[in-house]
Amino acid sequence: MSDDISLVALSGLGPDRATEIRALIRDVPGYPHDPIVFRDITPLLADGAALRDVVEAFARLCEGDDGHAIDIVAGMEARGFLLGAPLATRLGVGFVPLRKAGKLPPPVERVDYDLEYGSAAIELRTGTLPQGARVLLVDDVLATGGTAAAAAELVERCDGKVVATAFLLELDGLGGRERLSGRVVETLLRVDERASS
């Protein structure tokens, strides 16, 4: 484990517990190629107590006087589903999956977007969101922000209101936060990618 991850919102669990959760994120240098350090959250997802604590940390972003009032959690495919669905259950609100193109039956709304290595699209079943629904977008990683920006555009095209975006890990230095400029961006952990490359 490297020391380039700051605990951000996980610090509310206490420094010892936050450090234990951070230790469950496996660093895989050179995957898929150098100089990338892949952050594998599978061990965290496999640990029931850690997953519960992460969901609670996300929930605290939506509770209390300073919390984001939401009606629906929207998870970006695929690990956003794994974090977003239990969060929605914990908050007592609905969950909607934002899917990769071609995974939903029609009719769907679709947003195409560019990636560093090509293009992609994200879809939502037409009529899924109630008009004016306050939506929290959830995913595991904020890197360049392309998927998150497309997801926000999609929710708004479907008459929802993106209240905030929330991520387990932010890969600082890749421009994701800047790409989401003007939106609320919450993260539980922040990785300084400049320190790890």
C-alpha atoms as a PDB file:
ATOM      1  CA  MET A   1       0.000   0.000   0.000  1.00  0.00           C
ATOM      2  CA  SER A   2       1.339   3.407  -0.940  1.00  0.00           C
ATOM      3  CA  ASP A   3       0.781   6.528   1.125  1.00  0.00           C
ATOM      4  CA  ASP A   4      -0.616   8.617  -1.731  1.00  0.00           C
ATOM      5  CA  ILE A   5      -4.273   8.219  -0.688  1.00  0.00           C
ATOM      6  CA  SER A   6      -5.856  10.797   1.593  1.00  0.00           C
ATOM      7  CA  LEU A   7      -8.870   9.675   3.587  1.00  0.00           C
ATOM      8  CA  VAL A   8     -11.163  12.687   2.891  1.00  0.00           C
ATOM      9  CA  ALA A   9     -14.721  11.752   3.972  1.00  0.00           C
ATOM     10  CA  LEU A  10     -13.682   8.372   5.382  1.00  0.00           C
ATOM     11  CA  SER A  11     -11.889  10.249   8.145  1.00  0.00           C
ATOM     12  CA  GLY A  12     -15.315  10.553   9.838  1.00  0.00           C
ATOM     13  CA  LEU A  13     -15.026   6.854  10.697  1.00  0.00           C
ATOM     14  CA  GLY A  14     -11.976   7.586  12.806  1.00  0.00           C
ATOM     15  CA  PRO A  15      -8.383   7.392  11.607  1.00  0.00           C
ATOM     16  CA  ASP A  16      -7.840   3.734  12.545  1.00  0.00           C
ATOM     17  CA  ARG A  17     -10.965   2.457  10.757  1.00  0.00           C
ATOM     18  CA  ALA A  18     -10.361   4.677   7.734  1.00  0.00           C
ATOM     19  CA  THR A  19      -6.823   3.304   7.467  1.00  0.00           C
ATOM     20  CA  GLU A  20      -8.143  -0.274   7.702  1.00  0.00           C
ATOM     21  CA  ILE A  21     -10.583   0.408   4.864  1.00  0.00           C
ATOM     22  CA  ARG A  22      -7.868   2.027   2.766  1.00  0.00           C
ATOM     23  CA  ALA A  23      -5.754  -1.115   3.279  1.00  0.00           C
ATOM     24  CA  LEU A  24      -8.522  -3.126   1.566  1.00  0.00           C
ATOM     25  CA  ILE A  25      -7.900  -1.263  -1.699  1.00  0.00           C
ATOM     26  CA  ARG A  26      -5.245  -3.233  -3.531  1.00  0.00           C
ATOM     27  CA  ASP A  27      -2.666  -1.332  -5.574  1.00  0.00           C
ATOM     28  CA  VAL A  28      -1.736  -3.141  -8.801  1.00  0.00           C
ATOM     29  CA  PRO A  29       1.256  -1.381 -10.421  1.00  0.00           C
ATOM     30  CA  GLY A  30       1.515  -1.647 -14.196  1.00  0.00           C
ATOM     31  CA  TYR A  31      -2.066  -2.782 -14.758  1.00  0.00           C
ATOM     32  CA  PRO A  32      -3.267  -2.590 -17.433  1.00  0.00           C
ATOM     33  CA  HIS A  33       0.109  -1.072 -18.411  1.00  0.00           C
ATOM     34  CA  ASP A  34       2.880   1.171 -17.037  1.00  0.00           C
ATOM     35  CA  PRO A  35       2.810   3.736 -15.486  1.00  0.00           C
ATOM     36  CA  ILE A  36      -0.773   3.099 -14.264  1.00  0.00           C
ATOM     37  CA  VAL A  37      -1.403   1.903 -10.714  1.00  0.00           C
ATOM     38  CA  PHE A  38      -4.818   0.194 -10.784  1.00  0.00           C
ATOM     39  CA  ARG A  39      -6.841   0.530  -7.569  1.00  0.00           C
ATOM     40  CA  ASP A  40      -8.692  -2.759  -7.027  1.00  0.00           C
ATOM     41  CA  ILE A  41     -11.695  -2.339  -4.709  1.00  0.00           C
ATOM     42  CA  THR A  42     -12.671  -6.035  -4.822  1.00  0.00           C
ATOM     43  CA  PRO A  43     -11.219  -6.795  -1.350  1.00  0.00           C
ATOM     44  CA  LEU A  44     -13.196  -3.861   0.069  1.00  0.00           C
ATOM     45  CA  LEU A  45     -16.420  -5.098  -1.557  1.00  0.00           C
ATOM     46  CA  ALA A  46     -15.777  -8.604  -0.174  1.00  0.00           C
ATOM     47  CA  ASP A  47     -15.465  -7.338   3.409  1.00  0.00           C
ATOM     48  CA  GLY A  48     -19.000  -6.900   4.768  1.00  0.00           C
ATOM     49  CA  ALA A  49     -18.067  -4.573   7.605  1.00  0.00           C
ATOM     50  CA  ALA A  50     -15.933  -2.367   5.351  1.00  0.00           C
ATOM     51  CA  LEU A  51     -18.635  -2.184   2.691  1.00  0.00           C
ATOM     52  CA  ARG A  52     -21.155  -1.207   5.378  1.00  0.00           C
ATOM     53  CA  ASP A  53     -18.827   1.529   6.640  1.00  0.00           C
ATOM     54  CA  VAL A  54     -18.300   2.873   3.105  1.00  0.00           C
ATOM     55  CA  VAL A  55     -22.061   2.951   2.514  1.00  0.00           C
ATOM     56  CA  GLU A  56     -22.474   4.778   5.842  1.00  0.00           C
ATOM     57  CA  ALA A  57     -19.812   7.308   4.821  1.00  0.00           C
ATOM     58  CA  PHE A  58     -21.725   7.927   1.574  1.00  0.00           C
ATOM     59  CA  ALA A  59     -24.999   8.179   3.533  1.00  0.00           C
ATOM     60  CA  ARG A  60     -23.559  10.875   5.806  1.00  0.00           C
ATOM     61  CA  LEU A  61     -23.154  13.038   2.692  1.00  0.00           C
ATOM     62  CA  CYS A  62     -26.959  13.009   2.340  1.00  0.00           C
ATOM     63  CA  GLU A  63     -28.003  13.379   5.962  1.00  0.00           C
ATOM     64  CA  GLY A  64     -28.128  16.165   8.505  1.00  0.00           C
ATOM     65  CA  ASP A  65     -28.502  19.876   7.969  1.00  0.00           C
ATOM     66  CA  ASP A  66     -25.555  19.996   5.559  1.00  0.00           C
ATOM     67  CA  GLY A  67     -26.546  16.864   3.622  1.00  0.00           C
ATOM     68  CA  HIS A  68     -27.755  16.595   0.048  1.00  0.00           C
ATOM     69  CA  ALA A  69     -31.536  15.983  -0.064  1.00  0.00           C
ATOM     70  CA  ILE A  70     -32.129  13.307  -2.704  1.00  0.00           C
ATOM     71  CA  ASP A  71     -34.965  11.214  -4.126  1.00  0.00           C
ATOM     72  CA  ILE A  72     -32.943   8.695  -6.145  1.00  0.00           C
ATOM     73  CA  VAL A  73     -29.440   7.285  -6.318  1.00  0.00           C
ATOM     74  CA  ALA A  74     -28.181   6.646  -9.861  1.00  0.00           C
ATOM     75  CA  GLY A  75     -25.243   4.264 -10.227  1.00  0.00           C
ATOM     76  CA  MET A  76     -22.910   4.243 -13.212  1.00  0.00           C
ATOM     77  CA  GLU A  77     -22.188   0.829 -14.705  1.00  0.00           C
ATOM     78  CA  ALA A  78     -20.858  -1.324 -13.239  1.00  0.00           C
ATOM     79  CA  ARG A  79     -19.250  -0.716  -9.854  1.00  0.00           C
ATOM     80  CA  GLY A  80     -21.538   2.264  -9.299  1.00  0.00           C
ATOM     81  CA  PHE A  81     -24.291  -0.344  -9.032  1.00  0.00           C
ATOM     82  CA  LEU A  82     -22.406  -2.159  -6.264  1.00  0.00           C
ATOM     83  CA  LEU A  83     -22.072   1.017  -4.189  1.00  0.00           C
ATOM     84  CA  GLY A  84     -25.241   2.838  -5.246  1.00  0.00           C
ATOM     85  CA  ALA A  85     -27.840   0.126  -4.634  1.00  0.00           C
ATOM     86  CA  PRO A  86     -26.926  -0.473  -0.964  1.00  0.00           C
ATOM     87  CA  LEU A  87     -26.699   3.300  -0.459  1.00  0.00           C
ATOM     88  CA  ALA A  88     -30.203   3.770  -1.872  1.00  0.00           C
ATOM     89  CA  THR A  89     -31.478   1.003   0.404  1.00  0.00           C
ATOM     90  CA  ARG A  90     -29.766   2.605   3.405  1.00  0.00           C
ATOM     91  CA  LEU A  91     -31.304   6.015   2.576  1.00  0.00           C
ATOM     92  CA  GLY A  92     -34.735   4.590   1.782  1.00  0.00           C
ATOM     93  CA  VAL A  93     -34.794   6.007  -1.750  1.00  0.00           C
ATOM     94  CA  GLY A  94     -34.950   4.465  -5.216  1.00  0.00           C
ATOM     95  CA  PHE A  95     -32.028   3.320  -7.323  1.00  0.00           C
ATOM     96  CA  VAL A  96     -31.630   3.571 -11.094  1.00  0.00           C
ATOM     97  CA  PRO A  97     -28.828   1.986 -13.108  1.00  0.00           C
ATOM     98  CA  LEU A  98     -27.153   4.067 -15.801  1.00  0.00           C
ATOM     99  CA  ARG A  99     -26.198   1.408 -18.329  1.00  0.00           C
ATOM    100  CA  LYS A 100     -23.707   0.986 -21.117  1.00  0.00           C
ATOM    101  CA  ALA A 101     -25.257   1.250 -24.568  1.00  0.00           C
ATOM    102  CA  GLY A 102     -27.378  -1.681 -25.721  1.00  0.00           C
ATOM    103  CA  LYS A 103     -28.047  -3.169 -22.267  1.00  0.00           C
ATOM    104  CA  LEU A 104     -31.613  -1.837 -21.842  1.00  0.00           C
ATOM    105  CA  PRO A 105     -34.761  -2.514 -23.891  1.00  0.00           C
ATOM    106  CA  PRO A 106     -36.173   0.495 -25.730  1.00  0.00           C
ATOM    107  CA  PRO A 107     -37.184   3.189 -25.348  1.00  0.00           C
ATOM    108  CA  VAL A 108     -34.035   4.704 -23.835  1.00  0.00           C
ATOM    109  CA  GLU A 109     -32.364   8.064 -23.609  1.00  0.00           C
ATOM    110  CA  ARG A 110     -28.701   8.026 -24.615  1.00  0.00           C
ATOM    111  CA  VAL A 111     -25.650  10.255 -24.258  1.00  0.00           C
ATOM    112  CA  ASP A 112     -22.545   9.571 -26.354  1.00  0.00           C
ATOM    113  CA  TYR A 113     -19.173  10.722 -25.059  1.00  0.00           C
ATOM    114  CA  ASP A 114     -15.469  10.489 -25.852  1.00  0.00           C
ATOM    115  CA  LEU A 115     -12.910   8.535 -23.886  1.00  0.00           C
ATOM    116  CA  GLU A 116      -9.133   8.771 -24.049  1.00  0.00           C
ATOM    117  CA  TYR A 117      -9.103   5.550 -26.081  1.00  0.00           C
ATOM    118  CA  GLY A 118     -12.347   5.821 -28.089  1.00  0.00           C
ATOM    119  CA  SER A 119     -15.987   6.575 -27.473  1.00  0.00           C
ATOM    120  CA  ALA A 120     -18.817   5.177 -25.385  1.00  0.00           C
ATOM    121  CA  ALA A 121     -22.455   5.783 -24.581  1.00  0.00           C
ATOM    122  CA  ILE A 122     -24.565   5.604 -21.456  1.00  0.00           C
ATOM    123  CA  GLU A 123     -28.316   4.983 -21.367  1.00  0.00           C
ATOM    124  CA  LEU A 124     -31.326   5.268 -19.068  1.00  0.00           C
ATOM    125  CA  ARG A 125     -34.762   3.787 -19.661  1.00  0.00           C
ATOM    126  CA  THR A 126     -37.150   6.552 -20.776  1.00  0.00           C
ATOM    127  CA  GLY A 127     -39.643   7.462 -18.049  1.00  0.00           C
ATOM    128  CA  THR A 128     -37.632   5.946 -15.193  1.00  0.00           C
ATOM    129  CA  LEU A 129     -37.006   9.232 -13.373  1.00  0.00           C
ATOM    130  CA  PRO A 130     -39.907  11.237 -12.015  1.00  0.00           C
ATOM    131  CA  GLN A 131     -39.809  14.809 -13.322  1.00  0.00           C
ATOM    132  CA  GLY A 132     -37.625  16.962 -11.071  1.00  0.00           C
ATOM    133  CA  ALA A 133     -36.217  13.998  -9.109  1.00  0.00           C
ATOM    134  CA  ARG A 134     -33.193  15.005  -7.026  1.00  0.00           C
ATOM    135  CA  VAL A 135     -30.448  12.560  -8.008  1.00  0.00           C
ATOM    136  CA  LEU A 136     -27.150  11.568  -6.426  1.00  0.00           C
ATOM    137  CA  LEU A 137     -24.780  10.070  -9.024  1.00  0.00           C
ATOM    138  CA  VAL A 138     -22.507   7.351  -7.586  1.00  0.00           C
ATOM    139  CA  ASP A 139     -19.495   5.528  -8.985  1.00  0.00           C
ATOM    140  CA  ASP A 140     -16.329   3.928  -7.694  1.00  0.00           C
ATOM    141  CA  VAL A 141     -13.737   6.136  -9.397  1.00  0.00           C
ATOM    142  CA  LEU A 142     -13.541   9.703 -10.667  1.00  0.00           C
ATOM    143  CA  ALA A 143     -10.675   9.863 -13.168  1.00  0.00           C
ATOM    144  CA  THR A 144     -11.040  12.100 -16.236  1.00  0.00           C
ATOM    145  CA  GLY A 145     -14.733  12.713 -15.537  1.00  0.00           C
ATOM    146  CA  GLY A 146     -16.035  11.732 -18.977  1.00  0.00           C
ATOM    147  CA  THR A 147     -18.462   9.063 -17.788  1.00  0.00           C
ATOM    148  CA  ALA A 148     -19.668  11.164 -14.865  1.00  0.00           C
ATOM    149  CA  ALA A 149     -20.256  14.218 -17.076  1.00  0.00           C
ATOM    150  CA  ALA A 150     -22.217  12.072 -19.546  1.00  0.00           C
ATOM    151  CA  ALA A 151     -24.212  10.531 -16.687  1.00  0.00           C
ATOM    152  CA  ALA A 152     -25.130  13.972 -15.362  1.00  0.00           C
ATOM    153  CA  GLU A 153     -26.178  15.101 -18.839  1.00  0.00           C
ATOM    154  CA  LEU A 154     -28.299  11.954 -19.208  1.00  0.00           C
ATOM    155  CA  VAL A 155     -30.078  12.449 -15.873  1.00  0.00           C
ATOM    156  CA  GLU A 156     -30.844  16.054 -16.744  1.00  0.00           C
ATOM    157  CA  ARG A 157     -32.032  15.101 -20.230  1.00  0.00           C
ATOM    158  CA  CYS A 158     -34.472  12.762 -18.453  1.00  0.00           C
ATOM    159  CA  ASP A 159     -35.823  15.669 -16.338  1.00  0.00           C
ATOM    160  CA  GLY A 160     -33.850  14.824 -13.192  1.00  0.00           C
ATOM    161  CA  LYS A 161     -31.758  17.258 -11.180  1.00  0.00           C
ATOM    162  CA  VAL A 162     -28.226  16.182 -10.280  1.00  0.00           C
ATOM    163  CA  VAL A 163     -27.799  17.292  -6.675  1.00  0.00           C
ATOM    164  CA  ALA A 164     -24.286  15.876  -6.295  1.00  0.00           C
ATOM    165  CA  THR A 165     -21.829  13.301  -7.599  1.00  0.00           C
ATOM    166  CA  ALA A 166     -20.140  10.911  -5.165  1.00  0.00           C
ATOM    167  CA  PHE A 167     -17.143   8.636  -5.677  1.00  0.00           C
ATOM    168  CA  LEU A 168     -15.237   6.174  -3.530  1.00  0.00           C
ATOM    169  CA  LEU A 169     -11.908   7.234  -5.089  1.00  0.00           C
ATOM    170  CA  GLU A 170     -10.876  10.417  -6.858  1.00  0.00           C
ATOM    171  CA  LEU A 171      -7.756  10.099  -8.990  1.00  0.00           C
ATOM    172  CA  ASP A 172      -6.462  13.602  -8.410  1.00  0.00           C
ATOM    173  CA  GLY A 173      -4.527  15.177 -11.259  1.00  0.00           C
ATOM    174  CA  LEU A 174      -6.497  13.589 -14.123  1.00  0.00           C
ATOM    175  CA  GLY A 175      -8.968  16.465 -14.528  1.00  0.00           C
ATOM    176  CA  GLY A 176     -12.186  14.791 -13.414  1.00  0.00           C
ATOM    177  CA  ARG A 177     -13.144  17.404 -10.836  1.00  0.00           C
ATOM    178  CA  GLU A 178     -12.454  20.158 -13.363  1.00  0.00           C
ATOM    179  CA  ARG A 179     -14.584  18.426 -15.992  1.00  0.00           C
ATOM    180  CA  LEU A 180     -17.455  18.418 -13.479  1.00  0.00           C
ATOM    181  CA  SER A 181     -16.939  22.107 -12.710  1.00  0.00           C
ATOM    182  CA  GLY A 182     -20.132  23.698 -11.440  1.00  0.00           C
ATOM    183  CA  ARG A 183     -21.318  20.419  -9.890  1.00  0.00           C
ATOM    184  CA  VAL A 184     -20.944  19.195  -6.326  1.00  0.00           C
ATOM    185  CA  VAL A 185     -18.260  16.483  -6.241  1.00  0.00           C
ATOM    186  CA  GLU A 186     -17.921  14.367  -3.093  1.00  0.00           C
ATOM    187  CA  THR A 187     -15.200  11.766  -2.590  1.00  0.00           C
ATOM    188  CA  LEU A 188     -14.393   9.395   0.241  1.00  0.00           C
ATOM    189  CA  LEU A 189     -10.735   8.890  -0.724  1.00  0.00           C
ATOM    190  CA  ARG A 190      -8.402  10.961  -2.873  1.00  0.00           C
ATOM    191  CA  VAL A 191      -5.469   9.449  -4.741  1.00  0.00           C
ATOM    192  CA  ASP A 192      -2.644  11.702  -5.883  1.00  0.00           C
ATOM    193  CA  GLU A 193      -1.896  10.081  -9.242  1.00  0.00           C
ATOM    194  CA  ARG A 194       1.122  12.347  -9.726  1.00  0.00           C
ATOM    195  CA  ALA A 195       2.732  10.738  -6.663  1.00  0.00           C
ATOM    196  CA  SER A 196       2.072   7.183  -7.878  1.00  0.00           C
ATOM    197  CA  SER A 197       3.297   7.505 -11.462  1.00  0.00           C
END
